[in-house]
Amino acid sequence: MTNHGETTGSSGNGDINRRPSEIRDTHEQSARKTGEPAGADDMPVGSDGPVGCLTYDAHASEHQVTLRTPAELADALPYLLGYRPEDSIVLVALHDRSGRGRFGGRARLGIPSHMDDWADVARQLAHGLITGSERRGAKPEQMVAYLCQEPAKGESGRQVKERLASLAGMLRTECGRHDVPVIEALCISDGRFWSYCCPSEGCCPPDGLPMGLPGTSVLAAAATYAGIQVRGTLREMRARLQPWETAAALEQEVVLDTTSMALVSRMLDEESRADVAEETMELAWRALTRFAEASPVAGSLQADLRDDTLLGHEEAAALILGLQDRTTRDRAAEWMEGDEADPALRLWRALARRCVGPYGEHAAAPLTLAGWVAWSAGDGIEAREALAMALAADPGYFFARLLHQACNEDLDPESIRRCLRAERERRTGAEAESDEQGVPQQDAATGTGGVQPAPSSGASSRRRRRTRSAACQDSGPGSVAAGGRQPRERQPGLGGSRPRTRAAGGSRSGARRPGGGGRRVSGNGVPRGSSTGSGSLSPGNDAPGGKT
């Protein structure tokens, strides 16, 4: 689906990562017509009576909140999404079950700046949400629509409401084409709200009604009790992932240029690229440990500023460039859960912020890693934003595309986690076996011997490679293909795999380029999407692989 503003979520599932809430429509059915286009005739207009009854299934479905007015529906929006939308069209599906209903899927798109695009966006949004719900086995019975936009300079909230009225009508028409009536359409602007479905100035005056203070409603209290947190805006979330625009950005760009000139030849050389991969993982592990040991800081802005001080320019440049290798990136994706997840997410955010100037395309790797870790940790909102930004940086980045699709379709990331865990365990077992037999383990980057084994050990090494090649065939979406990098040892503490320095004098005579063919180079000659082995996640699954 085309997003003409902010890209978040999908029409099939929207931006919601919460458990479904229950809502019972108690609108009095009215014979009055709203004068809207085809598809709106059966829509009940707003009334002074209750709008609905909401039961939020927090821990034991025992907390019930009644939504009596459009004002309470307006106040509920941040809790339905988990953040405060800006410049957004939001559709919320309602499903009826034996007289009681529930909130279903949510879909959000940015409001196009050109009115000529409104009809297409309304059509896409309504079609995507309704058909997506049908694919999951439950077509919505009703819909609630929201239009959220702050006034431009010299514009009032009322003028915003009037300007967006035709867009609200298009949404109602498109939902009506699918026999799903919009029971309420609200405009939220400048701290006030308006209903497009209520013609009565008695309850819906032309100047709108004020929104309640954030966090003061009964729903806010129930959500807090249930452990639901409302973020800031998507703009604030994206700011944590966007490149620096400070004076330090120029310094970082210079260091990236210098580091690029030093690393490019090594990353392109078959004999030295495995060294670069090993150095990248070692450097990433040290940074991850440093982030994990740092004291917590209150506030996202202050936390990000502190994290920025934990990375030097040279260190950040080496990591950004090293992660352009997809096998190195796939191995870094294993830091996805437990005590590793939070420092890893912060590290990937910090690296994304360092992809300044002409290195913006290089942000696809750390942004995708940030999106993956966020999704794995249960934060679908940040995951979708990070993955969308990765695709904006590099529309062909296959890992981001697959993860974005899987996240939007509300798939379970456990299948990918399971394969990544298995890959780590296989490497650890291979290392232990090699240590016991005194056989140098496979080269981490090429899948061949970093130091050629004695002839008597060759069969054992080949057996291990064959075993690994078939290990994830039945793992479902997110399967990991064979031949990936081998970590050198398991680091105690965080529990992740950490590369061990190769013994001095190791030969690379057995190194070869996997898969043959050329290698993509972008930016200032830095290879992007190069593979140092066949161990990247299989492109045939909802996981990294293919073009990176």
Protein backbone atom coordinates (compact mmCIF):
# COMPACT_ATOMS: atom_id res chain seq x y z
CA MET A 1 0.00 0.00 0.00
CA THR A 2 1.26 3.42 -0.88
CA ASN A 3 1.76 5.69 2.07
CA HIS A 4 1.85 9.30 1.05
CA GLY A 5 2.88 10.51 4.45
CA GLU A 6 4.10 8.35 7.24
CA THR A 7 4.64 4.68 6.65
CA THR A 8 3.54 2.61 9.55
CA GLY A 9 1.64 -0.59 9.81
CA SER A 10 -0.45 -2.11 7.12
CA SER A 11 -3.99 -1.97 5.98
CA GLY A 12 -4.38 -5.56 7.04
CA ASN A 13 -3.43 -5.15 10.64
CA GLY A 14 -2.60 -1.54 11.16
CA ASP A 15 -0.38 -0.20 13.85
CA ILE A 16 -1.91 -2.07 16.75
CA ASN A 17 0.05 -4.45 18.85
CA ARG A 18 -2.44 -4.70 21.73
CA ARG A 19 -4.93 -7.34 22.67
CA PRO A 20 -8.39 -6.81 21.16
CA SER A 21 -10.73 -4.69 23.25
CA GLU A 22 -14.42 -5.34 23.50
CA ILE A 23 -16.95 -2.79 22.33
CA ARG A 24 -20.74 -3.04 22.12
CA ASP A 25 -22.46 -0.59 19.84
CA THR A 26 -25.51 0.87 21.59
CA HIS A 27 -26.20 3.66 19.10
CA GLU A 28 -29.90 4.21 18.69
CA GLN A 29 -30.63 3.29 15.10
CA SER A 30 -31.95 6.40 13.43
CA ALA A 31 -34.02 6.71 10.28
CA ARG A 32 -32.35 10.03 9.51
CA LYS A 33 -29.96 10.14 6.59
CA THR A 34 -26.66 11.91 6.66
CA GLY A 35 -26.64 13.06 3.05
CA GLU A 36 -23.34 11.25 2.46
CA PRO A 37 -22.55 9.48 -0.82
CA ALA A 38 -23.54 5.92 -1.56
CA GLY A 39 -22.68 3.56 1.24
CA ALA A 40 -23.57 5.97 4.03
CA ASP A 41 -27.33 5.50 4.11
CA ASP A 42 -27.31 2.80 6.74
CA MET A 43 -24.89 4.59 9.03
CA PRO A 44 -26.34 5.69 12.36
CA VAL A 45 -25.69 9.32 13.14
CA GLY A 46 -24.23 10.53 16.39
CA SER A 47 -26.60 10.73 19.32
CA ASP A 48 -26.68 11.86 22.89
CA GLY A 49 -26.90 8.28 24.02
CA PRO A 50 -24.04 5.93 24.71
CA VAL A 51 -21.68 5.26 21.85
CA GLY A 52 -20.43 1.99 23.16
CA CYS A 53 -19.25 -0.12 26.03
CA LEU A 54 -15.58 -1.01 26.10
CA THR A 55 -14.20 -3.97 28.01
CA TYR A 56 -10.43 -4.01 27.90
CA ASP A 57 -9.12 -7.54 28.24
CA ALA A 58 -6.07 -6.68 30.30
CA HIS A 59 -5.32 -9.52 32.70
CA ALA A 60 -8.65 -11.17 33.42
CA SER A 61 -11.25 -9.27 31.42
CA GLU A 62 -12.52 -7.75 34.62
CA HIS A 63 -12.01 -4.04 33.93
CA GLN A 64 -14.90 -2.50 32.01
CA VAL A 65 -14.95 1.05 30.70
CA THR A 66 -18.01 2.65 29.12
CA LEU A 67 -17.56 4.93 26.11
CA ARG A 68 -20.61 7.15 26.12
CA THR A 69 -19.76 9.95 23.70
CA PRO A 70 -17.70 10.73 20.61
CA ALA A 71 -15.38 12.58 22.99
CA GLU A 72 -14.49 9.32 24.66
CA LEU A 73 -13.88 7.69 21.29
CA ALA A 74 -11.54 10.56 20.46
CA ASP A 75 -9.73 10.19 23.78
CA ALA A 76 -9.41 6.44 23.18
CA LEU A 77 -7.41 6.75 19.95
CA PRO A 78 -3.90 6.90 21.49
CA TYR A 79 -4.71 3.83 23.57
CA LEU A 80 -5.95 1.96 20.52
CA LEU A 81 -2.76 2.74 18.61
CA GLY A 82 -0.21 2.88 21.41
CA TYR A 83 1.01 6.33 20.27
CA ARG A 84 -0.40 9.73 19.37
CA PRO A 85 -0.98 9.95 15.61
CA GLU A 86 -0.15 13.03 13.56
CA ASP A 87 -1.25 13.86 10.01
CA SER A 88 -2.97 10.49 9.94
CA ILE A 89 -5.98 8.67 8.62
CA VAL A 90 -6.92 5.89 11.04
CA LEU A 91 -9.56 3.22 10.54
CA VAL A 92 -10.60 0.98 13.43
CA ALA A 93 -12.64 -2.14 12.69
CA LEU A 94 -15.47 -3.23 14.97
CA HIS A 95 -16.67 -6.83 15.15
CA ASP A 96 -19.98 -7.98 16.62
CA ARG A 97 -20.25 -11.15 18.64
CA SER A 98 -23.63 -12.08 20.11
CA GLY A 99 -24.58 -8.54 20.91
CA ARG A 100 -21.08 -7.67 22.09
CA GLY A 101 -18.28 -6.60 19.88
CA ARG A 102 -14.59 -6.00 19.94
CA PHE A 103 -12.09 -3.70 18.38
CA GLY A 104 -10.46 -5.48 15.48
CA GLY A 105 -7.66 -4.42 13.18
CA ARG A 106 -6.44 -0.87 12.89
CA ALA A 107 -4.94 0.76 9.84
CA ARG A 108 -3.12 4.08 9.55
CA LEU A 109 -1.76 6.08 6.67
CA GLY A 110 -0.45 9.59 6.40
CA ILE A 111 -2.82 12.19 4.96
CA PRO A 112 -1.63 12.98 1.42
CA SER A 113 -0.68 16.59 0.87
CA HIS A 114 -2.41 16.58 -2.53
CA MET A 115 -6.18 16.20 -2.55
CA ASP A 116 -5.99 14.33 -5.85
CA ASP A 117 -4.49 11.40 -3.92
CA TRP A 118 -7.23 11.21 -1.30
CA ALA A 119 -9.59 8.94 -3.22
CA ASP A 120 -6.85 6.38 -3.88
CA VAL A 121 -5.71 6.40 -0.27
CA ALA A 122 -9.27 6.02 1.05
CA ARG A 123 -9.82 3.11 -1.32
CA GLN A 124 -6.57 1.39 -0.39
CA LEU A 125 -7.04 1.86 3.33
CA ALA A 126 -10.63 0.61 3.45
CA HIS A 127 -9.98 -2.28 1.08
CA GLY A 128 -6.81 -3.36 2.86
CA LEU A 129 -8.26 -3.32 6.38
CA ILE A 130 -11.51 -5.05 5.46
CA THR A 131 -9.99 -7.72 3.23
CA GLY A 132 -7.18 -8.25 5.72
CA SER A 133 -9.75 -8.86 8.44
CA GLU A 134 -11.58 -11.27 6.14
CA ARG A 135 -8.37 -13.22 5.57
CA ARG A 136 -8.12 -13.65 9.31
CA GLY A 137 -11.65 -14.98 9.38
CA ALA A 138 -13.73 -12.02 10.58
CA LYS A 139 -15.07 -9.26 8.35
CA PRO A 140 -15.78 -6.08 10.34
CA GLU A 141 -19.41 -5.18 10.91
CA GLN A 142 -18.70 -1.49 11.48
CA MET A 143 -15.89 1.03 11.32
CA VAL A 144 -14.70 4.12 13.18
CA ALA A 145 -12.66 6.66 11.20
CA TYR A 146 -10.29 9.32 12.53
CA LEU A 147 -8.60 12.21 10.73
CA CYS A 148 -5.79 13.74 12.76
CA GLN A 149 -3.97 16.85 11.56
CA GLU A 150 -2.70 20.01 13.20
CA PRO A 151 -3.53 23.38 11.59
CA ALA A 152 -1.03 24.97 9.23
CA LYS A 153 0.20 28.47 9.91
CA GLY A 154 -2.76 30.84 9.85
CA GLU A 155 -5.27 27.98 9.83
CA SER A 156 -7.73 27.06 12.57
CA GLY A 157 -8.83 23.64 13.71
CA ARG A 158 -12.29 24.29 12.32
CA GLN A 159 -10.79 25.04 8.92
CA VAL A 160 -8.86 21.76 9.08
CA LYS A 161 -12.10 19.93 9.80
CA GLU A 162 -13.82 21.59 6.83
CA ARG A 163 -10.86 20.98 4.53
CA LEU A 164 -10.79 17.25 5.39
CA ALA A 165 -14.56 16.76 5.16
CA SER A 166 -14.36 15.38 1.62
CA LEU A 167 -11.71 12.87 2.73
CA ALA A 168 -14.02 11.71 5.52
CA GLY A 169 -16.78 11.28 2.95
CA MET A 170 -14.48 9.21 0.73
CA LEU A 171 -13.63 6.92 3.63
CA ARG A 172 -17.31 6.40 4.41
CA THR A 173 -18.06 5.73 0.76
CA GLU A 174 -15.25 3.20 0.34
CA CYS A 175 -16.17 1.34 3.53
CA GLY A 176 -19.79 1.37 2.35
CA ARG A 177 -18.76 -0.32 -0.90
CA HIS A 178 -17.69 -3.25 1.26
CA ASP A 179 -20.97 -3.14 3.25
CA VAL A 180 -19.15 -1.93 6.35
CA PRO A 181 -20.79 1.27 7.67
CA VAL A 182 -18.72 3.94 9.38
CA ILE A 183 -20.62 4.60 12.60
CA GLU A 184 -18.42 7.54 13.59
CA ALA A 185 -15.91 9.73 11.76
CA LEU A 186 -13.95 12.20 13.87
CA CYS A 187 -11.56 15.00 13.06
CA ILE A 188 -8.99 15.77 15.76
CA SER A 189 -7.09 19.04 15.43
CA ASP A 190 -5.68 21.78 17.65
CA GLY A 191 -6.77 20.05 20.86
CA ARG A 192 -10.39 19.78 19.72
CA PHE A 193 -12.53 17.24 17.90
CA TRP A 194 -15.45 17.30 15.47
CA SER A 195 -17.85 14.58 14.35
CA TYR A 196 -18.62 14.23 10.66
CA CYS A 197 -21.61 12.02 11.48
CA CYS A 198 -23.51 14.34 13.81
CA PRO A 199 -25.43 17.26 12.25
CA SER A 200 -26.63 18.62 15.60
CA GLU A 201 -24.94 21.81 16.76
CA GLY A 202 -26.33 21.13 20.21
CA CYS A 203 -23.88 18.32 20.88
CA CYS A 204 -21.33 19.02 18.14
CA PRO A 205 -20.84 22.81 17.82
CA PRO A 206 -19.11 24.26 14.72
CA ASP A 207 -16.01 25.13 16.73
CA GLY A 208 -15.72 21.57 17.99
CA LEU A 209 -15.30 20.31 21.52
CA PRO A 210 -12.10 20.28 23.58
CA MET A 211 -10.22 17.05 24.01
CA GLY A 212 -9.72 15.85 27.56
CA LEU A 213 -6.35 16.33 29.19
CA PRO A 214 -4.08 13.39 28.35
CA GLY A 215 -4.12 10.69 30.98
CA THR A 216 -7.16 11.99 32.86
CA SER A 217 -9.94 9.84 31.41
CA VAL A 218 -11.32 6.66 32.92
CA LEU A 219 -9.95 4.80 29.92
CA ALA A 220 -6.49 6.23 30.59
CA ALA A 221 -6.65 4.97 34.16
CA ALA A 222 -7.79 1.53 33.03
CA ALA A 223 -5.07 1.39 30.40
CA THR A 224 -2.43 2.37 32.93
CA TYR A 225 -3.68 -0.30 35.29
CA ALA A 226 -3.52 -2.84 32.46
CA GLY A 227 0.07 -1.87 31.70
CA ILE A 228 -0.58 -0.18 28.35
CA GLN A 229 1.85 2.62 27.59
CA VAL A 230 1.11 5.39 25.14
CA ARG A 231 4.17 6.65 23.31
CA GLY A 232 4.71 10.07 21.91
CA THR A 233 4.21 10.64 18.23
CA LEU A 234 5.62 8.69 15.31
CA ARG A 235 7.73 11.75 14.54
CA GLU A 236 9.39 11.42 17.94
CA MET A 237 9.97 7.71 17.37
CA ARG A 238 11.56 8.36 14.01
CA ALA A 239 13.78 11.07 15.45
CA ARG A 240 15.54 8.38 17.48
CA LEU A 241 16.55 6.65 14.24
CA GLN A 242 17.29 9.53 11.91
CA PRO A 243 20.82 10.68 11.02
CA TRP A 244 22.46 13.42 13.00
CA GLU A 245 22.01 16.98 11.82
CA THR A 246 24.45 18.50 14.29
CA ALA A 247 28.00 19.71 13.81
CA ALA A 248 29.18 16.23 14.79
CA ALA A 249 27.59 14.84 11.62
CA LEU A 250 30.36 16.33 9.48
CA GLU A 251 33.01 14.80 11.72
CA GLN A 252 31.32 11.41 11.45
CA GLU A 253 31.11 11.71 7.67
CA VAL A 254 34.83 12.43 7.43
CA VAL A 255 35.60 9.37 9.56
CA LEU A 256 33.27 7.24 7.44
CA ASP A 257 35.14 8.38 4.34
CA THR A 258 38.49 7.53 5.91
CA THR A 259 37.34 4.18 7.27
CA SER A 260 35.72 3.33 3.96
CA MET A 261 38.98 3.80 2.09
CA ALA A 262 40.73 1.50 4.55
CA LEU A 263 38.04 -1.21 4.60
CA VAL A 264 36.82 -1.38 1.00
CA SER A 265 39.78 -3.25 -0.39
CA ARG A 266 39.73 -5.68 2.52
CA MET A 267 35.98 -6.32 2.21
CA LEU A 268 36.34 -6.95 -1.51
CA ASP A 269 39.28 -9.28 -1.08
CA GLU A 270 38.41 -12.95 -0.63
CA GLU A 271 41.30 -13.54 1.72
CA SER A 272 40.78 -10.63 4.09
CA ARG A 273 37.04 -10.11 4.18
CA ALA A 274 36.61 -12.79 6.84
CA ASP A 275 39.01 -10.83 9.03
CA VAL A 276 36.81 -7.76 8.58
CA ALA A 277 33.73 -9.78 9.51
CA GLU A 278 35.45 -11.13 12.61
CA GLU A 279 36.66 -7.69 13.64
CA THR A 280 33.15 -6.28 13.15
CA MET A 281 31.59 -8.89 15.42
CA GLU A 282 34.27 -8.40 18.06
CA LEU A 283 33.78 -4.63 17.93
CA ALA A 284 29.99 -4.98 18.06
CA TRP A 285 30.22 -7.24 21.08
CA ARG A 286 32.40 -4.79 22.96
CA ALA A 287 29.97 -1.98 22.16
CA LEU A 288 26.99 -4.12 23.18
CA THR A 289 28.63 -4.91 26.50
CA ARG A 290 29.37 -1.23 27.06
CA PHE A 291 25.74 -0.31 26.37
CA ALA A 292 24.52 -3.05 28.71
CA GLU A 293 26.73 -1.83 31.54
CA ALA A 294 25.72 1.83 31.21
CA SER A 295 23.41 3.17 33.91
CA PRO A 296 19.78 3.79 32.90
CA VAL A 297 18.83 7.33 31.92
CA ALA A 298 15.30 8.72 32.17
CA GLY A 299 13.74 10.09 29.00
CA SER A 300 14.32 8.87 25.47
CA LEU A 301 16.14 12.02 24.33
CA GLN A 302 18.58 11.99 27.22
CA ALA A 303 19.07 8.24 26.86
CA ASP A 304 19.92 8.61 23.18
CA LEU A 305 22.33 11.46 23.86
CA ARG A 306 24.07 9.33 26.48
CA ASP A 307 24.23 6.36 24.10
CA ASP A 308 25.81 8.58 21.47
CA THR A 309 28.68 9.24 23.87
CA LEU A 310 29.31 5.50 24.22
CA LEU A 311 30.38 5.19 20.57
CA GLY A 312 33.42 6.84 19.05
CA HIS A 313 33.37 8.03 15.45
CA GLU A 314 35.90 5.42 14.31
CA GLU A 315 34.10 2.62 16.11
CA ALA A 316 30.72 3.62 14.67
CA ALA A 317 32.15 3.88 11.15
CA ALA A 318 33.73 0.43 11.33
CA LEU A 319 30.47 -1.10 12.57
CA ILE A 320 28.30 0.63 9.96
CA LEU A 321 30.54 -0.52 7.14
CA GLY A 322 31.10 -4.00 8.55
CA LEU A 323 27.35 -4.60 8.89
CA GLN A 324 26.90 -4.10 5.16
CA ASP A 325 27.99 -7.73 4.90
CA ARG A 326 24.76 -9.68 5.18
CA THR A 327 26.21 -12.69 6.98
CA THR A 328 27.74 -10.45 9.63
CA ARG A 329 24.41 -8.68 9.91
CA ASP A 330 22.50 -11.96 10.22
CA ARG A 331 24.78 -13.05 13.02
CA ALA A 332 24.29 -9.73 14.80
CA ALA A 333 20.54 -10.37 14.55
CA GLU A 334 20.99 -13.18 17.08
CA TRP A 335 21.19 -10.53 19.82
CA MET A 336 17.41 -10.39 19.91
CA GLU A 337 16.11 -11.43 23.32
CA GLY A 338 16.78 -11.58 27.02
CA ASP A 339 19.47 -9.34 28.41
CA GLU A 340 20.87 -8.78 24.93
CA ALA A 341 17.79 -7.21 23.36
CA ASP A 342 17.76 -3.78 25.01
CA PRO A 343 21.45 -2.91 24.59
CA ALA A 344 21.36 -4.31 21.04
CA LEU A 345 18.37 -2.15 20.13
CA ARG A 346 20.08 0.92 21.55
CA LEU A 347 23.28 0.10 19.67
CA TRP A 348 21.45 -0.29 16.34
CA ARG A 349 19.60 2.98 16.92
CA ALA A 350 22.88 4.75 17.67
CA LEU A 351 24.47 3.36 14.50
CA ALA A 352 21.48 4.43 12.40
CA ARG A 353 21.91 7.96 13.71
CA ARG A 354 25.55 7.89 12.51
CA CYS A 355 24.64 7.12 8.88
CA VAL A 356 25.06 10.74 7.86
CA GLY A 357 25.43 12.50 4.53
CA PRO A 358 26.03 10.19 1.56
CA TYR A 359 25.97 7.18 3.89
CA GLY A 360 22.19 7.35 4.36
CA GLU A 361 21.71 4.14 2.35
CA HIS A 362 23.99 2.31 4.75
CA ALA A 363 21.39 2.90 7.49
CA ALA A 364 19.31 0.06 6.04
CA ALA A 365 21.37 -2.51 7.97
CA PRO A 366 21.21 -0.99 11.49
CA LEU A 367 17.60 0.13 10.94
CA THR A 368 16.60 -3.39 9.96
CA LEU A 369 18.39 -4.82 12.98
CA ALA A 370 16.62 -2.27 15.19
CA GLY A 371 13.28 -3.22 13.65
CA TRP A 372 13.96 -6.92 14.11
CA VAL A 373 14.96 -6.58 17.77
CA ALA A 374 11.96 -4.34 18.49
CA TRP A 375 9.60 -6.83 16.86
CA SER A 376 11.22 -9.74 18.65
CA ALA A 377 10.79 -7.87 21.95
CA GLY A 378 7.08 -7.28 21.26
CA ASP A 379 7.23 -3.64 20.14
CA GLY A 380 5.51 -3.78 16.78
CA ILE A 381 5.13 -0.01 16.58
CA GLU A 382 8.83 0.81 16.64
CA ALA A 383 9.53 -2.28 14.54
CA ARG A 384 7.31 -1.08 11.71
CA GLU A 385 8.75 2.43 11.84
CA ALA A 386 12.35 1.20 11.79
CA LEU A 387 11.70 -1.28 8.98
CA ALA A 388 9.83 1.32 6.94
CA MET A 389 12.78 3.68 7.37
CA ALA A 390 15.14 0.91 6.29
CA LEU A 391 13.13 0.47 3.11
CA ALA A 392 13.14 4.22 2.56
CA ALA A 393 16.93 4.16 2.83
CA ASP A 394 17.18 1.20 0.43
CA PRO A 395 13.91 0.09 -1.20
CA GLY A 396 15.52 -3.16 -2.33
CA TYR A 397 16.74 -4.25 1.09
CA PHE A 398 15.32 -7.77 1.16
CA PHE A 399 15.73 -8.47 4.88
CA ALA A 400 13.76 -5.32 5.77
CA ARG A 401 11.08 -6.06 3.20
CA LEU A 402 10.43 -9.57 4.49
CA LEU A 403 10.42 -8.52 8.13
CA HIS A 404 8.16 -5.56 7.39
CA GLN A 405 5.67 -7.81 5.62
CA ALA A 406 5.77 -10.40 8.40
CA CYS A 407 5.35 -7.75 11.08
CA ASN A 408 2.44 -6.12 9.26
CA GLU A 409 0.74 -9.48 8.83
CA ASP A 410 1.03 -10.05 12.57
CA LEU A 411 3.09 -13.21 12.19
CA ASP A 412 4.88 -14.68 15.18
CA PRO A 413 8.60 -13.80 15.25
CA GLU A 414 9.30 -16.95 17.24
CA SER A 415 9.95 -18.98 14.09
CA ILE A 416 12.81 -16.64 13.18
CA ARG A 417 14.09 -16.58 16.75
CA ARG A 418 14.07 -20.37 16.82
CA CYS A 419 16.25 -20.60 13.74
CA LEU A 420 18.66 -17.96 14.98
CA ARG A 421 18.98 -19.79 18.30
CA ALA A 422 19.61 -23.05 16.46
CA GLU A 423 22.27 -21.39 14.33
CA ARG A 424 24.04 -20.11 17.42
CA GLU A 425 23.84 -23.49 19.13
CA ARG A 426 25.21 -25.28 16.08
CA ARG A 427 28.14 -22.93 15.90
CA THR A 428 28.84 -23.37 19.59
CA GLY A 429 28.70 -27.14 19.23
CA ALA A 430 30.99 -27.06 16.21
CA GLU A 431 33.48 -24.94 18.15
CA ALA A 432 33.44 -27.33 21.07
CA GLU A 433 33.95 -30.30 18.75
CA SER A 434 36.80 -28.54 16.98
CA ASP A 435 38.46 -27.65 20.26
CA GLU A 436 38.20 -31.22 21.53
CA GLN A 437 39.64 -32.66 18.33
CA GLY A 438 42.23 -29.93 17.98
CA VAL A 439 40.80 -29.03 14.56
CA PRO A 440 40.68 -25.37 13.60
CA GLN A 441 37.08 -24.41 13.00
CA GLN A 442 35.63 -23.25 9.71
CA ASP A 443 36.40 -19.80 8.51
CA ALA A 444 33.69 -17.57 9.86
CA ALA A 445 33.21 -15.71 6.62
CA THR A 446 33.62 -18.24 3.85
CA GLY A 447 32.53 -21.53 5.34
CA THR A 448 35.96 -23.01 4.58
CA GLY A 449 38.90 -23.68 6.80
CA GLY A 450 40.57 -20.56 8.15
CA VAL A 451 43.60 -22.81 8.79
CA GLN A 452 43.51 -25.87 6.59
CA PRO A 453 42.91 -29.01 8.68
CA ALA A 454 45.12 -32.02 8.57
CA PRO A 455 43.99 -34.59 6.00
CA SER A 456 42.75 -36.95 8.70
CA SER A 457 40.27 -34.32 9.92
CA GLY A 458 38.87 -33.30 6.54
CA ALA A 459 35.97 -35.73 6.56
CA SER A 460 34.83 -34.50 9.96
CA SER A 461 34.83 -30.88 8.78
CA ARG A 462 32.86 -31.74 5.65
CA ARG A 463 30.34 -33.71 7.71
CA ARG A 464 29.74 -30.72 9.95
CA ARG A 465 29.17 -28.46 6.94
CA ARG A 466 26.70 -30.90 5.40
CA THR A 467 24.82 -31.22 8.69
CA ARG A 468 24.48 -27.47 9.01
CA SER A 469 23.24 -27.06 5.46
CA ALA A 470 20.03 -29.01 6.13
CA ALA A 471 19.40 -28.04 9.70
CA CYS A 472 16.72 -25.39 9.15
CA GLN A 473 14.80 -26.86 6.25
CA ASP A 474 11.63 -27.40 8.27
CA SER A 475 11.79 -24.33 10.44
CA GLY A 476 9.11 -22.42 8.57
CA PRO A 477 9.24 -18.68 8.06
CA GLY A 478 12.52 -17.25 9.17
CA SER A 479 14.59 -20.33 8.47
CA VAL A 480 18.33 -19.84 8.45
CA ALA A 481 20.26 -21.31 5.57
CA ALA A 482 23.47 -23.15 5.95
CA GLY A 483 27.06 -22.10 6.04
CA GLY A 484 26.79 -18.98 8.19
CA ARG A 485 29.51 -17.42 10.22
CA GLN A 486 30.84 -19.36 13.15
CA PRO A 487 31.28 -17.48 16.43
CA ARG A 488 34.47 -18.20 18.24
CA GLU A 489 33.24 -18.54 21.78
CA ARG A 490 30.26 -17.81 24.00
CA GLN A 491 30.71 -14.72 26.10
CA PRO A 492 29.43 -15.08 29.65
CA GLY A 493 27.14 -12.42 31.03
CA LEU A 494 24.91 -11.33 28.18
CA GLY A 495 24.73 -14.84 26.83
CA GLY A 496 25.51 -13.98 23.24
CA SER A 497 28.04 -15.44 20.90
CA ARG A 498 31.25 -13.52 20.66
CA PRO A 499 33.95 -14.06 18.04
CA ARG A 500 37.28 -15.31 19.25
CA THR A 501 40.46 -13.96 17.78
CA ARG A 502 41.88 -16.28 15.14
CA ALA A 503 45.17 -17.91 15.94
CA ALA A 504 48.15 -16.11 14.51
CA GLY A 505 49.43 -17.32 11.20
CA GLY A 506 46.10 -18.71 10.06
CA SER A 507 46.08 -19.47 6.38
CA ARG A 508 43.33 -18.44 3.98
CA SER A 509 44.38 -20.61 1.11
CA GLY A 510 41.05 -22.40 1.18
CA ALA A 511 38.96 -19.25 0.96
CA ARG A 512 36.51 -18.96 -1.90
CA ARG A 513 33.69 -16.67 -2.90
CA PRO A 514 30.35 -18.35 -2.17
CA GLY A 515 27.85 -18.37 -4.94
CA GLY A 516 30.16 -16.72 -7.42
CA GLY A 517 29.09 -13.60 -9.22
CA GLY A 518 29.77 -9.98 -8.54
CA ARG A 519 29.23 -7.92 -5.47
CA ARG A 520 27.13 -4.80 -5.15
CA VAL A 521 29.02 -1.67 -4.18
CA SER A 522 27.34 1.54 -3.09
CA GLY A 523 28.07 4.72 -1.23
CA ASN A 524 31.74 5.53 -1.46
CA GLY A 525 32.75 2.18 -2.84
CA VAL A 526 31.72 0.21 0.25
CA PRO A 527 30.31 -3.22 -0.58
CA ARG A 528 26.68 -3.51 0.48
CA GLY A 529 24.81 -6.74 0.64
CA SER A 530 27.92 -8.80 0.07
CA SER A 531 27.82 -12.30 1.41
CA THR A 532 30.72 -13.86 3.18
CA GLY A 533 29.11 -17.26 3.06
CA SER A 534 25.85 -18.97 2.42
CA GLY A 535 24.85 -18.47 6.00
CA SER A 536 22.49 -15.56 5.53
CA LEU A 537 18.88 -16.25 6.29
CA SER A 538 17.12 -17.91 3.40
CA PRO A 539 15.40 -15.53 0.98
CA GLY A 540 12.62 -18.03 0.61
CA ASN A 541 11.37 -17.33 4.12
CA ASP A 542 10.11 -14.37 6.13
CA ALA A 543 13.60 -13.58 7.25
CA PRO A 544 16.76 -11.92 6.02
CA GLY A 545 18.35 -13.11 2.86
CA GLY A 546 18.71 -12.36 -0.79
CA LYS A 547 19.51 -8.76 -1.54
CA THR A 548 20.33 -6.95 1.65
